[in-house]
């Protein structure tokens, strides 16, 4: 399942609730990203799969409704 993270969202650590830092971004399948977050307080890591925003249904909907000026 792909998470809907904004480009600047930082999840909270499940252990200590501290904001985690983005440690690494790895390209995944289908233009998705694997974002690896690390807690600076306790060292826990978390991986989030994020869909490419340029391949989203929302972008398709917006581009399909573009019309030239009347």
C-alpha atoms as a PDB file:
ATOM      1  CA  UNK A   1       0.000   0.000   0.000  1.00  0.00           C
ATOM      2  CA  UNK A   2       1.360   3.407  -0.938  1.00  0.00           C
ATOM      3  CA  UNK A   3       1.216   6.160   1.643  1.00  0.00           C
ATOM      4  CA  UNK A   4       0.001   9.643   0.800  1.00  0.00           C
ATOM      5  CA  UNK A   5       2.849  11.658   2.275  1.00  0.00           C
ATOM      6  CA  UNK A   6       3.483  15.243   1.344  1.00  0.00           C
ATOM      7  CA  UNK A   7       7.026  16.042   0.231  1.00  0.00           C
ATOM      8  CA  UNK A   8       7.856  17.565   3.632  1.00  0.00           C
ATOM      9  CA  UNK A   9       5.900  15.305   5.995  1.00  0.00           C
ATOM     10  CA  UNK A  10       7.929  13.729   8.782  1.00  0.00           C
ATOM     11  CA  UNK A  11       6.228  10.898  10.677  1.00  0.00           C
ATOM     12  CA  UNK A  12       6.504  10.497  14.430  1.00  0.00           C
ATOM     13  CA  UNK A  13       8.515   7.601  15.823  1.00  0.00           C
ATOM     14  CA  UNK A  14       6.298   4.747  17.034  1.00  0.00           C
ATOM     15  CA  UNK A  15       8.581   4.230  20.056  1.00  0.00           C
ATOM     16  CA  UNK A  16       9.218   7.724  21.408  1.00  0.00           C
ATOM     17  CA  UNK A  17       6.923  10.002  19.298  1.00  0.00           C
ATOM     18  CA  UNK A  18       9.819  12.237  18.209  1.00  0.00           C
ATOM     19  CA  UNK A  19       9.661  13.597  14.634  1.00  0.00           C
ATOM     20  CA  UNK A  20      11.800  11.384  12.425  1.00  0.00           C
ATOM     21  CA  UNK A  21      14.264  12.666   9.846  1.00  0.00           C
ATOM     22  CA  UNK A  22      14.360  11.581   6.226  1.00  0.00           C
ATOM     23  CA  UNK A  23      17.479   9.442   5.918  1.00  0.00           C
ATOM     24  CA  UNK A  24      17.216   8.165   2.337  1.00  0.00           C
ATOM     25  CA  UNK A  25      14.999   8.078  -0.765  1.00  0.00           C
ATOM     26  CA  UNK A  26      15.143   5.063  -3.080  1.00  0.00           C
ATOM     27  CA  UNK A  27      13.219   4.780  -6.346  1.00  0.00           C
ATOM     28  CA  UNK A  28      10.659   2.013  -6.246  1.00  0.00           C
ATOM     29  CA  UNK A  29       8.446   0.231  -8.759  1.00  0.00           C
ATOM     30  CA  UNK A  30       6.177   2.230 -11.032  1.00  0.00           C
ATOM     31  CA  UNK A  31       7.787   5.620 -10.298  1.00  0.00           C
ATOM     32  CA  UNK A  32       7.098   5.302  -6.578  1.00  0.00           C
ATOM     33  CA  UNK A  33       9.566   6.256  -3.875  1.00  0.00           C
ATOM     34  CA  UNK A  34      10.707   4.342  -0.830  1.00  0.00           C
ATOM     35  CA  UNK A  35      11.388   6.912   1.905  1.00  0.00           C
ATOM     36  CA  UNK A  36      13.446   5.713   4.843  1.00  0.00           C
ATOM     37  CA  UNK A  37      12.988   7.723   8.030  1.00  0.00           C
ATOM     38  CA  UNK A  38      15.233   7.528  11.089  1.00  0.00           C
ATOM     39  CA  UNK A  39      14.544   8.653  14.643  1.00  0.00           C
ATOM     40  CA  UNK A  40      17.324  10.877  15.947  1.00  0.00           C
ATOM     41  CA  UNK A  41      16.388  10.129  19.555  1.00  0.00           C
ATOM     42  CA  UNK A  42      16.082   6.323  19.723  1.00  0.00           C
ATOM     43  CA  UNK A  43      17.427   5.185  16.334  1.00  0.00           C
ATOM     44  CA  UNK A  44      14.258   3.442  15.123  1.00  0.00           C
ATOM     45  CA  UNK A  45      13.685   3.339  11.352  1.00  0.00           C
ATOM     46  CA  UNK A  46      10.505   3.359   9.296  1.00  0.00           C
ATOM     47  CA  UNK A  47       9.982   2.817   5.561  1.00  0.00           C
ATOM     48  CA  UNK A  48       7.144   4.515   3.684  1.00  0.00           C
ATOM     49  CA  UNK A  49       6.202   3.807   0.068  1.00  0.00           C
ATOM     50  CA  UNK A  50       4.988   6.970  -1.636  1.00  0.00           C
ATOM     51  CA  UNK A  51       3.317   7.164  -5.045  1.00  0.00           C
ATOM     52  CA  UNK A  52       4.739   9.534  -7.634  1.00  0.00           C
ATOM     53  CA  UNK A  53       2.572  12.681  -7.439  1.00  0.00           C
ATOM     54  CA  UNK A  54       2.906  13.165 -11.195  1.00  0.00           C
ATOM     55  CA  UNK A  55       1.218   9.797 -11.791  1.00  0.00           C
ATOM     56  CA  UNK A  56      -1.670  10.465  -9.423  1.00  0.00           C
ATOM     57  CA  UNK A  57      -5.355  10.330 -10.328  1.00  0.00           C
ATOM     58  CA  UNK A  58      -5.725  13.919  -9.152  1.00  0.00           C
ATOM     59  CA  UNK A  59      -3.218  15.179 -11.712  1.00  0.00           C
ATOM     60  CA  UNK A  60      -4.979  13.211 -14.456  1.00  0.00           C
ATOM     61  CA  UNK A  61      -8.313  14.730 -13.438  1.00  0.00           C
ATOM     62  CA  UNK A  62      -6.872  18.237 -13.484  1.00  0.00           C
ATOM     63  CA  UNK A  63      -5.194  17.860 -16.881  1.00  0.00           C
ATOM     64  CA  UNK A  64      -8.317  16.350 -18.438  1.00  0.00           C
ATOM     65  CA  UNK A  65     -10.327  19.430 -17.424  1.00  0.00           C
ATOM     66  CA  UNK A  66      -7.976  22.029 -18.903  1.00  0.00           C
ATOM     67  CA  UNK A  67      -9.651  24.031 -21.668  1.00  0.00           C
ATOM     68  CA  UNK A  68      -8.299  26.850 -23.809  1.00  0.00           C
ATOM     69  CA  UNK A  69      -9.470  30.334 -22.812  1.00  0.00           C
ATOM     70  CA  UNK A  70     -12.791  31.353 -24.336  1.00  0.00           C
END
